[in-house]
Structures are given as structure tokens and as C-alpha cells.
């Protein structure tokens, strides 16, 4: 009975008839075909396209300084409103143009725009050599100084160049502002270096600065002549630190921290580096070499 029931079920309980949507689809197709395209939309799209892709019909040519030109002046020179706004935003964040070629880095500026405006770009020349060699204070904010008024490049120039010879800094005492006095070091790199230094407890050698995450080797090589090292005081208190403190040190991984912690619990306090080297698992001689100066056995 149950085997033959599925065959008779549709006969006893016939399914409802399928709905015919053909007339509905035909009515929609006809309505779409008869719908006229909005002339206003055509005009809007054409104007929007031309405003971004084509030059204005009326272009004026005059000498301008991209460090001081207004948005209206840039538009009169044939730049799109969007490109002019991008340039002004760059300046408002502290950027500046020290050479004509810097203008090509502006996002959205076409090569043909730069080519036709190149001869009209006028940027203040650098201060005379005798004046540029005078010691000047380095400031974080845009400030007016006698040298700046003559035309020396600002610290926040387009390429991040700093037109001064930085003095040497103590890498274990330097603040974020001190680090930013070095060419190629901005707020981001300065923060990373200081965070790395704090986790280590201080730098033993200047070469450790080059281990900072994300710091390009070219930048480190350029600043290394200006780095000095003072003794560190915040060492690893190997007989006092708990497991989490050991894990937080950049030179000790989680596995090594666990070994140190458990070995101390089982065998008592460490008396020196030679006592630590008795641990055979998890460490190599290179690990002890770079960690030895960080251990305190008090």
C-alpha cells in the first residue's frame, strides 16, 4: 500500500495550477520599452564626465606657487576641482613642494597637465648657502622663522627632507620629537622605535634600532652615524619576573619563557649566565649572547 501510495496521491490530491506570469512580464517589458530616457540625466552625466576628463574651455596661464596657490587659481590654470582639492588637502596636512617635479606626485594630476604648467611653476629658491648653515631650532609645527622667510625648505616637505644636519641623539633617552629630527623618521617610525626600546628595556647597541619592525634598512643606515648609546637600567629580573613578563620581552618567545619560569621553580634562583646555560632545551648560544646583557640576578 505504502509502495503504490505516491503514485495515487497526485490523483487524489491534485496540486494547484501553476500561476501564469507571462502577461505580467509582457506588460513590464512594454512599459520599460516605452519609458523615455531622462534628458536631465543625460546632461548631468555628460557634464560630470567632462568635468573630470576634459580641460575647461577657458584656461588662463600665469606664474603660480603650488605652496600658496588657491583653489580658484588652480582651477583657472586648467586643473579639475577634485585635483585642486587634493593638492590643498596635502598642504593642509603639512606637506609642501620643494621642486617642480614634486607636483607630479599629487594624486589625480595628469602628466599632460604637468607638462603644460611646468614652465609656469615658481617655487621659492633655497636660502643662500651661508645662511642655510646657521643652526636653527627644529619645531614640530609650522612656524615662521628668519630662515623660513628666506625660503628654506620646511621640515614637512613633500619628500620628508630636512635641510639641517641633525645632532647625535642618545637612543635610550631620546623622545619621539628627538627621533623625528633625523631624516626619514616620522611620527610612526619614532613610535615604533620607542615601543621596541621599552619592551627590550633599552638598547645595548645602535644596531638594535635596525631591528625595529617595518623600519627600512636604508633609513637605519642613514641615521646610524647620529646614534649614541647609554647604559640601560631596566633589565630582566630573571629571579623575580613572572611568566607573562618573560613572554613580553622581544628576545624571549613563549616557549623559552615557560622553560625559564619552570626551571626556576624547580631549581631555585639563577646566580649567573653560566647557571642559565645549563638549560639545554629551547635556547641556542646566539640566544644567550644577545640576552646576557639584559639579565639581572639581584
Protein backbone atom coordinates (compact mmCIF):
# COMPACT_ATOMS: atom_id res chain seq x y z
CA UNK A 1 0.00 0.00 0.00
CA UNK A 2 2.74 2.44 1.00
CA UNK A 3 4.75 1.48 -2.09
CA UNK A 4 1.95 2.43 -4.52
CA UNK A 5 0.57 5.39 -2.50
CA UNK A 6 2.92 8.04 -4.02
CA UNK A 7 1.58 7.19 -7.47
CA UNK A 8 -2.06 7.75 -6.48
CA UNK A 9 -1.50 10.75 -4.19
CA UNK A 10 -1.41 13.37 -7.04
CA UNK A 11 -4.65 11.87 -8.41
CA UNK A 12 -6.42 12.05 -5.06
CA UNK A 13 -4.95 15.45 -4.10
CA UNK A 14 -4.09 17.26 -7.33
CA UNK A 15 -1.55 20.17 -6.97
CA UNK A 16 -2.80 23.73 -7.56
CA UNK A 17 -2.41 25.00 -11.11
CA UNK A 18 0.81 26.92 -11.85
CA UNK A 19 0.44 30.71 -11.96
CA UNK A 20 0.95 32.20 -15.42
CA UNK A 21 3.22 35.25 -15.25
CA UNK A 22 3.62 35.68 -18.99
CA UNK A 23 1.11 38.55 -19.23
CA UNK A 24 2.77 40.32 -16.28
CA UNK A 25 6.23 40.02 -17.83
CA UNK A 26 4.93 41.30 -21.16
CA UNK A 27 3.36 44.35 -19.50
CA UNK A 28 6.63 45.19 -17.70
CA UNK A 29 8.69 44.83 -20.89
CA UNK A 30 6.32 47.11 -22.75
CA UNK A 31 6.45 49.73 -20.00
CA UNK A 32 10.25 49.71 -19.99
CA UNK A 33 10.43 50.00 -23.77
CA UNK A 34 8.07 53.00 -23.77
CA UNK A 35 9.85 54.78 -20.91
CA UNK A 36 11.86 57.72 -22.33
CA UNK A 37 15.42 58.35 -21.09
CA UNK A 38 15.56 61.46 -18.95
CA UNK A 39 17.24 64.33 -20.78
CA UNK A 40 18.27 65.76 -17.46
CA UNK A 41 20.16 62.56 -16.64
CA UNK A 42 21.95 62.69 -19.99
CA UNK A 43 23.07 66.25 -19.40
CA UNK A 44 24.18 65.52 -15.82
CA UNK A 45 26.26 62.52 -16.85
CA UNK A 46 27.83 64.43 -19.73
CA UNK A 47 28.74 67.40 -17.53
CA UNK A 48 30.15 65.10 -14.82
CA UNK A 49 32.26 63.23 -17.37
CA UNK A 50 33.61 66.40 -18.94
CA UNK A 51 34.39 67.98 -15.59
CA UNK A 52 36.69 65.08 -14.70
CA UNK A 53 38.10 64.04 -18.07
CA UNK A 54 38.35 67.20 -20.13
CA UNK A 55 40.05 70.53 -19.63
CA UNK A 56 37.98 73.63 -19.01
CA UNK A 57 37.15 75.57 -22.12
CA UNK A 58 38.84 78.70 -20.75
CA UNK A 59 42.32 78.20 -19.35
CA UNK A 60 44.44 81.03 -18.00
CA UNK A 61 48.20 80.82 -17.74
CA UNK A 62 50.13 82.73 -15.08
CA UNK A 63 53.00 82.11 -12.70
CA UNK A 64 51.93 80.31 -9.54
CA UNK A 65 53.47 78.74 -6.46
CA UNK A 66 51.81 75.39 -5.60
CA UNK A 67 52.63 76.08 -1.94
CA UNK A 68 50.40 79.17 -1.85
CA UNK A 69 48.00 78.97 -4.83
CA UNK A 70 44.29 78.99 -4.02
CA UNK A 71 41.75 76.52 -5.34
CA UNK A 72 40.28 79.16 -7.67
CA UNK A 73 43.71 79.86 -9.15
CA UNK A 74 44.39 76.17 -9.71
CA UNK A 75 41.04 75.74 -11.47
CA UNK A 76 41.76 78.79 -13.66
CA UNK A 77 45.01 77.08 -14.65
CA UNK A 78 43.01 74.15 -16.01
CA UNK A 79 43.10 71.66 -13.13
CA UNK A 80 39.91 69.88 -12.16
CA UNK A 81 38.22 70.88 -8.93
CA UNK A 82 38.95 67.45 -7.48
CA UNK A 83 42.68 67.67 -8.24
CA UNK A 84 42.82 71.18 -6.78
CA UNK A 85 41.14 69.95 -3.60
CA UNK A 86 43.60 67.05 -3.33
CA UNK A 87 46.52 69.46 -3.58
CA UNK A 88 45.06 71.75 -0.89
CA UNK A 89 44.41 68.78 1.40
CA UNK A 90 48.03 67.74 1.04
CA UNK A 91 49.17 71.22 2.03
CA UNK A 92 46.76 71.39 4.96
CA UNK A 93 48.38 68.27 6.45
CA UNK A 94 51.80 69.94 6.49
CA UNK A 95 53.05 68.96 3.04
CA UNK A 96 54.90 71.32 0.75
CA UNK A 97 56.57 71.36 -2.67
CA UNK A 98 60.30 71.96 -2.83
CA UNK A 99 60.78 71.23 -6.54
CA UNK A 100 58.65 71.40 -9.66
CA UNK A 101 58.73 67.62 -10.02
CA UNK A 102 57.04 67.27 -6.63
CA UNK A 103 53.79 68.40 -8.23
CA UNK A 104 53.64 65.19 -10.27
CA UNK A 105 53.11 63.23 -7.06
CA UNK A 106 49.70 64.83 -6.48
CA UNK A 107 47.06 62.14 -6.87
CA UNK A 108 44.88 62.75 -9.93
CA UNK A 109 47.23 65.20 -11.66
CA UNK A 110 47.63 64.16 -15.28
CA UNK A 111 51.02 64.17 -16.99
CA UNK A 112 49.70 66.48 -19.71
CA UNK A 113 48.61 68.99 -17.05
CA UNK A 114 52.07 68.98 -15.52
CA UNK A 115 53.73 69.33 -18.93
CA UNK A 116 51.74 72.42 -19.90
CA UNK A 117 52.05 74.06 -16.46
CA UNK A 118 55.69 73.21 -15.80
CA UNK A 119 57.06 76.47 -17.17
CA UNK A 120 54.60 78.48 -15.05
CA UNK A 121 55.55 76.91 -11.72
CA UNK A 122 57.60 79.19 -9.48
CA UNK A 123 58.83 77.90 -6.13
CA UNK A 124 60.94 79.92 -3.73
CA UNK A 125 64.58 79.05 -4.04
CA UNK A 126 66.61 77.71 -1.13
CA UNK A 127 68.24 80.16 1.23
CA UNK A 128 71.86 81.11 0.44
CA UNK A 129 74.45 78.54 1.47
CA UNK A 130 75.92 80.75 4.18
CA UNK A 131 72.52 81.21 5.79
CA UNK A 132 71.41 77.60 5.49
CA UNK A 133 74.43 76.52 7.54
CA UNK A 134 73.33 78.58 10.53
CA UNK A 135 71.98 76.44 13.40
CA UNK A 136 68.23 76.69 13.62
CA UNK A 137 65.79 75.18 16.11
CA UNK A 138 63.70 72.29 14.84
CA UNK A 139 59.98 72.63 15.57
CA UNK A 140 57.07 70.30 15.04
CA UNK A 141 54.57 72.95 13.98
CA UNK A 142 54.71 75.24 11.01
CA UNK A 143 56.33 78.38 12.39
CA UNK A 144 57.74 81.44 10.74
CA UNK A 145 61.45 81.92 11.26
CA UNK A 146 64.01 84.21 9.62
CA UNK A 147 65.40 81.33 7.58
CA UNK A 148 61.95 80.08 6.62
CA UNK A 149 61.03 83.55 5.39
CA UNK A 150 64.03 83.50 3.08
CA UNK A 151 62.81 80.27 1.56
CA UNK A 152 64.43 77.34 3.34
CA UNK A 153 62.54 74.08 2.96
CA UNK A 154 60.21 73.15 5.78
CA UNK A 155 60.67 70.02 7.84
CA UNK A 156 57.47 68.53 6.45
CA UNK A 157 58.43 68.87 2.79
CA UNK A 158 56.97 66.59 0.13
CA UNK A 159 59.82 64.07 0.38
CA UNK A 160 60.17 64.40 4.14
CA UNK A 161 63.60 66.05 3.69
CA UNK A 162 65.09 68.13 6.48
CA UNK A 163 67.56 70.79 5.46
CA UNK A 164 69.76 70.63 8.54
CA UNK A 165 72.46 68.40 9.93
CA UNK A 166 70.98 66.53 12.92
CA UNK A 167 72.97 66.29 16.11
CA UNK A 168 73.65 62.94 17.73
CA UNK A 169 70.93 61.51 19.97
CA UNK A 170 71.02 59.02 22.82
CA UNK A 171 68.85 56.14 21.64
CA UNK A 172 67.97 55.16 25.22
CA UNK A 173 66.92 58.67 26.24
CA UNK A 174 65.55 60.17 23.00
CA UNK A 175 61.91 61.21 22.88
CA UNK A 176 59.63 60.90 19.86
CA UNK A 177 60.44 64.52 18.97
CA UNK A 178 64.18 63.75 19.11
CA UNK A 179 63.79 60.80 16.75
CA UNK A 180 61.81 62.87 14.27
CA UNK A 181 64.75 65.25 13.91
CA UNK A 182 66.50 62.52 11.95
CA UNK A 183 65.89 62.38 8.22
CA UNK A 184 63.46 59.62 7.27
CA UNK A 185 61.97 59.22 10.76
CA UNK A 186 58.36 60.35 11.08
CA UNK A 187 55.87 60.00 13.93
CA UNK A 188 55.09 56.38 13.01
CA UNK A 189 58.69 55.15 12.97
CA UNK A 190 59.51 57.16 16.12
CA UNK A 191 56.64 55.49 17.99
CA UNK A 192 57.70 52.02 16.82
CA UNK A 193 61.33 52.56 17.87
CA UNK A 194 60.32 53.77 21.34
CA UNK A 195 57.85 50.88 21.82
CA UNK A 196 60.54 48.38 20.81
CA UNK A 197 63.05 50.06 23.16
CA UNK A 198 60.60 49.97 26.08
CA UNK A 199 59.85 46.27 25.55
CA UNK A 200 63.57 45.46 25.41
CA UNK A 201 64.34 47.55 28.46
CA UNK A 202 66.73 49.68 26.41
CA UNK A 203 69.18 49.27 23.55
CA UNK A 204 72.55 47.64 24.16
CA UNK A 205 73.87 48.72 20.76
CA UNK A 206 72.80 51.07 17.96
CA UNK A 207 72.37 48.10 15.60
CA UNK A 208 69.28 47.05 17.55
CA UNK A 209 67.43 50.11 16.26
CA UNK A 210 67.57 48.46 12.83
CA UNK A 211 65.54 45.54 14.23
CA UNK A 212 62.50 47.81 14.69
CA UNK A 213 59.52 46.33 12.86
CA UNK A 214 58.96 47.99 9.47
CA UNK A 215 61.99 50.30 9.63
CA UNK A 216 63.71 50.20 6.20
CA UNK A 217 67.39 49.31 6.30
CA UNK A 218 68.16 52.31 4.08
CA UNK A 219 66.66 54.63 6.70
CA UNK A 220 68.59 52.95 9.51
CA UNK A 221 71.87 53.20 7.61
CA UNK A 222 71.30 56.91 7.03
CA UNK A 223 70.65 57.68 10.72
CA UNK A 224 73.16 55.27 12.30
CA UNK A 225 76.05 57.81 12.34
CA UNK A 226 73.96 60.03 14.65
CA UNK A 227 73.10 57.36 17.25
CA UNK A 228 74.80 57.05 20.62
CA UNK A 229 74.12 54.51 23.39
CA UNK A 230 73.96 54.97 27.14
CA UNK A 231 73.81 52.11 29.68
CA UNK A 232 70.40 50.59 30.31
CA UNK A 233 68.84 50.29 33.74
CA UNK A 234 65.62 48.36 33.09
CA UNK A 235 66.93 44.81 32.92
CA UNK A 236 65.23 41.42 33.08
CA UNK A 237 64.93 40.46 36.74
CA UNK A 238 65.25 36.82 35.97
CA UNK A 239 64.61 35.71 39.55
CA UNK A 240 61.54 37.93 40.05
CA UNK A 241 59.63 38.26 36.80
CA UNK A 242 56.52 36.16 36.33
CA UNK A 243 55.68 34.17 33.22
CA UNK A 244 53.79 36.98 31.45
CA UNK A 245 56.64 39.44 31.97
CA UNK A 246 59.12 36.99 30.49
CA UNK A 247 56.87 36.37 27.48
CA UNK A 248 56.59 40.11 26.82
CA UNK A 249 60.32 40.52 26.14
CA UNK A 250 61.03 40.66 22.37
CA UNK A 251 64.05 38.34 22.66
CA UNK A 252 62.20 35.60 24.59
CA UNK A 253 59.44 33.60 22.92
CA UNK A 254 56.60 31.91 24.79
CA UNK A 255 58.27 28.50 24.80
CA UNK A 256 61.54 29.88 26.15
CA UNK A 257 59.72 31.93 28.79
CA UNK A 258 57.91 28.82 30.01
CA UNK A 259 61.19 26.89 30.23
CA UNK A 260 62.87 29.67 32.23
CA UNK A 261 59.93 30.02 34.59
CA UNK A 262 59.55 26.29 35.26
CA UNK A 263 63.31 25.73 35.61
CA UNK A 264 63.50 28.48 38.24
CA UNK A 265 60.58 26.95 40.16
CA UNK A 266 62.25 23.55 40.18
CA UNK A 267 65.89 24.51 40.79
CA UNK A 268 65.69 27.84 42.58
CA UNK A 269 67.06 31.28 41.67
CA UNK A 270 69.65 31.74 38.94
CA UNK A 271 73.08 33.01 40.01
CA UNK A 272 74.53 33.97 36.63
CA UNK A 273 74.56 33.43 32.89
CA UNK A 274 76.51 30.20 33.28
CA UNK A 275 73.73 28.94 35.51
CA UNK A 276 71.21 29.77 32.79
CA UNK A 277 73.23 27.93 30.16
CA UNK A 278 72.58 24.70 31.98
CA UNK A 279 69.16 24.79 30.37
CA UNK A 280 69.61 22.58 27.34
CA UNK A 281 66.17 22.90 25.74
CA UNK A 282 64.80 25.87 23.85
CA UNK A 283 67.93 28.03 23.74
CA UNK A 284 70.95 28.34 21.49
CA UNK A 285 74.26 30.06 22.13
CA UNK A 286 73.14 33.01 19.98
CA UNK A 287 70.14 33.49 22.29
CA UNK A 288 72.35 33.71 25.36
CA UNK A 289 74.72 36.09 23.58
CA UNK A 290 72.08 38.74 22.92
CA UNK A 291 70.24 38.18 26.22
CA UNK A 292 73.25 38.15 28.55
CA UNK A 293 73.45 41.94 28.89
CA UNK A 294 69.73 42.13 29.76
CA UNK A 295 69.73 39.74 32.73
CA UNK A 296 69.82 40.97 36.32
CA UNK A 297 70.45 38.34 39.00
CA UNK A 298 69.76 40.50 42.05
